[in-house]
Amino acid sequence: MQLNDDIMSQWETIVAEVHKTDVPLECVSKMVFKLSNRRQKTVNIGTLRKQGLDFDEIKSIVTRMFNDFDSEIIDVDFVIDITTVVQLVQPETDRLLGKL
């Protein structure tokens, strides 16, 4: 699906309002684990998908990161894949709103 810049901008605004505890892993392109002593570890989920890993394998990697660095994690930042969000949500939005 080809997405125009206006639609992408609108979705970026919507996604910015979502709490990070509510973000499905399928919509995340990177996770940045902020650790003690000003260190960080990044899981590039987009790259893992491109390498052919399935959702369960990626979830396992993320879970392992949480387990391995549990006592050192201060915060976790998510980089959202807006294109994936739009591709998942926009068709359903169009379907529902098209009936109005």
N, C-alpha and C. Protein backbone atom coordinates (compact mmCIF):
# COMPACT_ATOMS: atom_id res chain seq x y z
N MET A 1 0.84 -1.17 0.00
CA MET A 1 0.00 0.00 0.00
C MET A 1 0.89 1.24 0.00
N GLN A 2 0.67 2.14 -0.94
CA GLN A 2 1.41 3.41 -1.02
C GLN A 2 0.76 4.41 -0.07
N LEU A 3 1.56 5.04 0.78
CA LEU A 3 1.03 5.97 1.77
C LEU A 3 1.53 7.37 1.48
N ASN A 4 0.60 8.33 1.49
CA ASN A 4 1.05 9.71 1.25
C ASN A 4 1.57 10.33 2.54
N ASP A 5 2.30 11.42 2.41
CA ASP A 5 2.95 12.07 3.55
C ASP A 5 1.95 12.58 4.58
N ASP A 6 0.78 13.04 4.12
CA ASP A 6 -0.23 13.56 5.03
C ASP A 6 -0.76 12.46 5.95
N ILE A 7 -1.03 11.30 5.39
CA ILE A 7 -1.51 10.17 6.20
C ILE A 7 -0.43 9.76 7.20
N MET A 8 0.82 9.68 6.76
CA MET A 8 1.92 9.30 7.65
C MET A 8 2.04 10.30 8.80
N SER A 9 1.93 11.59 8.50
CA SER A 9 2.03 12.62 9.52
C SER A 9 0.90 12.49 10.54
N GLN A 10 -0.30 12.23 10.06
CA GLN A 10 -1.45 12.08 10.96
C GLN A 10 -1.24 10.88 11.89
N TRP A 11 -0.73 9.78 11.34
CA TRP A 11 -0.51 8.60 12.16
C TRP A 11 0.63 8.81 13.15
N GLU A 12 1.66 9.55 12.78
CA GLU A 12 2.74 9.84 13.71
C GLU A 12 2.20 10.59 14.93
N THR A 13 1.29 11.52 14.69
CA THR A 13 0.67 12.27 15.78
C THR A 13 -0.14 11.33 16.68
N ILE A 14 -0.92 10.45 16.08
CA ILE A 14 -1.73 9.50 16.85
C ILE A 14 -0.84 8.59 17.68
N VAL A 15 0.19 8.03 17.08
CA VAL A 15 1.07 7.08 17.76
C VAL A 15 1.82 7.75 18.90
N ALA A 16 2.15 9.01 18.76
CA ALA A 16 2.87 9.72 19.82
C ALA A 16 2.06 9.78 21.11
N GLU A 17 0.75 9.65 21.01
CA GLU A 17 -0.13 9.71 22.18
C GLU A 17 -0.30 8.36 22.89
N VAL A 18 0.21 7.28 22.30
CA VAL A 18 0.03 5.95 22.87
C VAL A 18 1.09 5.70 23.95
N HIS A 19 0.65 5.17 25.08
CA HIS A 19 1.59 4.83 26.15
C HIS A 19 2.42 3.62 25.72
N LYS A 20 3.71 3.63 26.07
CA LYS A 20 4.57 2.57 25.58
C LYS A 20 4.21 1.19 26.10
N THR A 21 3.46 1.10 27.18
CA THR A 21 3.04 -0.22 27.66
C THR A 21 1.96 -0.82 26.78
N ASP A 22 1.38 0.00 25.91
CA ASP A 22 0.29 -0.46 25.04
C ASP A 22 0.73 -0.76 23.61
N VAL A 23 2.02 -0.68 23.32
CA VAL A 23 2.51 -0.84 21.96
C VAL A 23 2.76 -2.31 21.65
N PRO A 24 2.10 -2.86 20.62
CA PRO A 24 2.38 -4.25 20.25
C PRO A 24 3.78 -4.37 19.64
N LEU A 25 4.46 -5.43 19.97
CA LEU A 25 5.83 -5.65 19.49
C LEU A 25 5.90 -5.63 17.97
N GLU A 26 4.83 -6.03 17.30
CA GLU A 26 4.81 -6.05 15.84
C GLU A 26 4.98 -4.65 15.25
N CYS A 27 4.68 -3.62 16.03
CA CYS A 27 4.75 -2.23 15.55
C CYS A 27 6.02 -1.51 15.98
N VAL A 28 6.94 -2.23 16.58
CA VAL A 28 8.18 -1.63 17.07
C VAL A 28 9.31 -1.94 16.10
N SER A 29 10.09 -0.91 15.74
CA SER A 29 11.24 -1.16 14.87
C SER A 29 12.53 -1.32 15.67
N LYS A 30 12.62 -0.65 16.83
CA LYS A 30 13.79 -0.79 17.70
C LYS A 30 13.36 -0.64 19.14
N MET A 31 14.08 -1.32 20.02
CA MET A 31 13.93 -1.13 21.46
C MET A 31 15.30 -0.73 22.00
N VAL A 32 15.31 0.36 22.74
CA VAL A 32 16.57 0.84 23.32
C VAL A 32 16.46 0.71 24.83
N PHE A 33 17.26 -0.16 25.39
CA PHE A 33 17.29 -0.40 26.82
C PHE A 33 18.30 0.56 27.45
N LYS A 34 17.81 1.47 28.28
CA LYS A 34 18.67 2.41 28.99
C LYS A 34 19.09 1.73 30.28
N LEU A 35 20.40 1.54 30.43
CA LEU A 35 20.93 0.82 31.57
C LEU A 35 21.65 1.76 32.54
N SER A 36 21.91 1.24 33.72
CA SER A 36 22.66 2.03 34.70
C SER A 36 24.04 2.35 34.14
N ASN A 37 24.69 3.29 34.72
CA ASN A 37 26.02 3.75 34.28
C ASN A 37 26.00 4.32 32.87
N ARG A 38 24.84 4.88 32.47
CA ARG A 38 24.69 5.58 31.19
C ARG A 38 24.96 4.71 29.97
N ARG A 39 24.78 3.42 30.12
CA ARG A 39 24.95 2.49 28.99
C ARG A 39 23.59 2.21 28.39
N GLN A 40 23.60 1.66 27.17
CA GLN A 40 22.35 1.24 26.55
C GLN A 40 22.61 0.06 25.62
N LYS A 41 21.58 -0.72 25.44
CA LYS A 41 21.58 -1.85 24.51
C LYS A 41 20.38 -1.67 23.60
N THR A 42 20.57 -1.96 22.32
CA THR A 42 19.51 -1.79 21.34
C THR A 42 19.18 -3.12 20.68
N VAL A 43 17.90 -3.41 20.56
CA VAL A 43 17.43 -4.55 19.79
C VAL A 43 16.77 -3.97 18.55
N ASN A 44 17.36 -4.19 17.39
CA ASN A 44 16.81 -3.68 16.14
C ASN A 44 15.85 -4.72 15.57
N ILE A 45 14.60 -4.56 15.92
CA ILE A 45 13.57 -5.53 15.55
C ILE A 45 13.34 -5.52 14.04
N GLY A 46 13.42 -4.35 13.43
CA GLY A 46 13.27 -4.26 11.97
C GLY A 46 14.31 -5.09 11.25
N THR A 47 15.55 -5.02 11.71
CA THR A 47 16.62 -5.80 11.10
C THR A 47 16.39 -7.29 11.32
N LEU A 48 15.95 -7.66 12.52
CA LEU A 48 15.68 -9.08 12.80
C LEU A 48 14.59 -9.62 11.88
N ARG A 49 13.55 -8.80 11.63
CA ARG A 49 12.50 -9.22 10.70
C ARG A 49 13.06 -9.41 9.29
N LYS A 50 13.89 -8.46 8.85
CA LYS A 50 14.50 -8.55 7.51
C LYS A 50 15.40 -9.77 7.39
N GLN A 51 15.99 -10.21 8.51
CA GLN A 51 16.84 -11.40 8.51
C GLN A 51 16.03 -12.69 8.52
N GLY A 52 14.69 -12.55 8.60
CA GLY A 52 13.83 -13.73 8.50
C GLY A 52 13.36 -14.31 9.82
N LEU A 53 13.66 -13.67 10.95
CA LEU A 53 13.19 -14.19 12.22
C LEU A 53 11.69 -13.98 12.34
N ASP A 54 11.01 -14.97 12.90
CA ASP A 54 9.57 -14.82 13.08
C ASP A 54 9.28 -14.14 14.42
N PHE A 55 8.00 -13.84 14.63
CA PHE A 55 7.59 -13.08 15.82
C PHE A 55 8.02 -13.77 17.12
N ASP A 56 7.87 -15.09 17.19
CA ASP A 56 8.23 -15.82 18.41
C ASP A 56 9.73 -15.73 18.70
N GLU A 57 10.55 -15.80 17.67
CA GLU A 57 12.00 -15.68 17.85
C GLU A 57 12.38 -14.27 18.33
N ILE A 58 11.75 -13.27 17.77
CA ILE A 58 12.02 -11.89 18.18
C ILE A 58 11.55 -11.67 19.61
N LYS A 59 10.38 -12.18 19.93
CA LYS A 59 9.87 -12.06 21.30
C LYS A 59 10.82 -12.73 22.29
N SER A 60 11.39 -13.85 21.91
CA SER A 60 12.35 -14.56 22.76
C SER A 60 13.60 -13.71 23.00
N ILE A 61 14.09 -13.05 21.95
CA ILE A 61 15.27 -12.18 22.08
C ILE A 61 14.97 -11.01 23.02
N VAL A 62 13.82 -10.39 22.86
CA VAL A 62 13.43 -9.26 23.72
C VAL A 62 13.28 -9.73 25.17
N THR A 63 12.65 -10.86 25.37
CA THR A 63 12.49 -11.42 26.72
C THR A 63 13.84 -11.70 27.35
N ARG A 64 14.74 -12.25 26.57
CA ARG A 64 16.09 -12.53 27.08
C ARG A 64 16.80 -11.25 27.49
N MET A 65 16.63 -10.17 26.71
CA MET A 65 17.23 -8.88 27.07
C MET A 65 16.68 -8.40 28.42
N PHE A 66 15.36 -8.48 28.58
CA PHE A 66 14.77 -8.07 29.85
C PHE A 66 15.32 -8.91 31.01
N ASN A 67 15.45 -10.21 30.80
CA ASN A 67 15.95 -11.09 31.85
C ASN A 67 17.43 -10.85 32.14
N ASP A 68 18.24 -10.73 31.09
CA ASP A 68 19.69 -10.57 31.26
C ASP A 68 20.07 -9.25 31.92
N PHE A 69 19.30 -8.20 31.66
CA PHE A 69 19.67 -6.88 32.15
C PHE A 69 18.66 -6.32 33.17
N ASP A 70 17.83 -7.19 33.71
CA ASP A 70 16.75 -6.78 34.60
C ASP A 70 17.19 -5.80 35.68
N SER A 71 18.23 -6.10 36.40
CA SER A 71 18.65 -5.24 37.52
C SER A 71 19.31 -3.94 37.06
N GLU A 72 19.68 -3.86 35.79
CA GLU A 72 20.36 -2.67 35.28
C GLU A 72 19.45 -1.74 34.46
N ILE A 73 18.26 -2.22 34.09
CA ILE A 73 17.38 -1.44 33.22
C ILE A 73 16.76 -0.28 34.00
N ILE A 74 16.97 0.92 33.46
CA ILE A 74 16.39 2.13 34.04
C ILE A 74 15.12 2.50 33.26
N ASP A 75 15.17 2.33 31.94
CA ASP A 75 14.05 2.70 31.07
C ASP A 75 14.19 1.94 29.76
N VAL A 76 13.10 1.84 29.02
CA VAL A 76 13.12 1.24 27.70
C VAL A 76 12.39 2.19 26.75
N ASP A 77 13.07 2.58 25.69
CA ASP A 77 12.46 3.42 24.66
C ASP A 77 12.12 2.56 23.45
N PHE A 78 10.98 2.88 22.85
CA PHE A 78 10.53 2.17 21.66
C PHE A 78 10.57 3.12 20.48
N VAL A 79 11.11 2.64 19.37
CA VAL A 79 11.03 3.37 18.11
C VAL A 79 9.95 2.65 17.31
N ILE A 80 8.88 3.40 17.02
CA ILE A 80 7.71 2.80 16.38
C ILE A 80 7.87 2.81 14.87
N ASP A 81 7.48 1.72 14.24
CA ASP A 81 7.46 1.61 12.79
C ASP A 81 6.10 2.11 12.30
N ILE A 82 6.05 3.40 11.98
CA ILE A 82 4.80 4.04 11.59
C ILE A 82 4.18 3.36 10.37
N THR A 83 5.01 2.95 9.42
CA THR A 83 4.49 2.30 8.22
C THR A 83 3.71 1.04 8.58
N THR A 84 4.25 0.24 9.50
CA THR A 84 3.55 -0.97 9.93
C THR A 84 2.25 -0.63 10.64
N VAL A 85 2.27 0.39 11.49
CA VAL A 85 1.06 0.80 12.19
C VAL A 85 -0.02 1.20 11.18
N VAL A 86 0.37 2.01 10.23
CA VAL A 86 -0.59 2.47 9.21
C VAL A 86 -1.12 1.29 8.41
N GLN A 87 -0.25 0.39 8.00
CA GLN A 87 -0.68 -0.75 7.19
C GLN A 87 -1.62 -1.67 7.98
N LEU A 88 -1.44 -1.75 9.29
CA LEU A 88 -2.32 -2.58 10.10
C LEU A 88 -3.66 -1.91 10.39
N VAL A 89 -3.64 -0.62 10.64
CA VAL A 89 -4.82 0.06 11.14
C VAL A 89 -5.62 0.80 10.06
N GLN A 90 -4.94 1.40 9.11
CA GLN A 90 -5.63 2.24 8.13
C GLN A 90 -6.70 1.49 7.32
N PRO A 91 -6.45 0.29 6.83
CA PRO A 91 -7.50 -0.40 6.07
C PRO A 91 -8.78 -0.61 6.89
N GLU A 92 -8.62 -0.96 8.16
CA GLU A 92 -9.79 -1.14 9.01
C GLU A 92 -10.48 0.18 9.29
N THR A 93 -9.69 1.23 9.48
CA THR A 93 -10.25 2.57 9.68
C THR A 93 -11.05 2.99 8.44
N ASP A 94 -10.46 2.79 7.26
CA ASP A 94 -11.14 3.14 6.02
C ASP A 94 -12.45 2.36 5.87
N ARG A 95 -12.41 1.09 6.23
CA ARG A 95 -13.60 0.23 6.12
C ARG A 95 -14.70 0.74 7.04
N LEU A 96 -14.35 1.06 8.28
CA LEU A 96 -15.34 1.52 9.25
C LEU A 96 -15.87 2.90 8.90
N LEU A 97 -14.97 3.80 8.54
CA LEU A 97 -15.40 5.17 8.25
C LEU A 97 -16.05 5.30 6.88
N GLY A 98 -15.75 4.36 6.00
CA GLY A 98 -16.36 4.38 4.68
C GLY A 98 -17.85 4.17 4.71
N LYS A 99 -18.33 3.61 5.81
CA LYS A 99 -19.77 3.34 5.95
C LYS A 99 -20.53 4.56 6.46
N LEU A 100 -19.81 5.60 6.87
CA LEU A 100 -20.49 6.80 7.41
C LEU A 100 -21.08 7.66 6.32
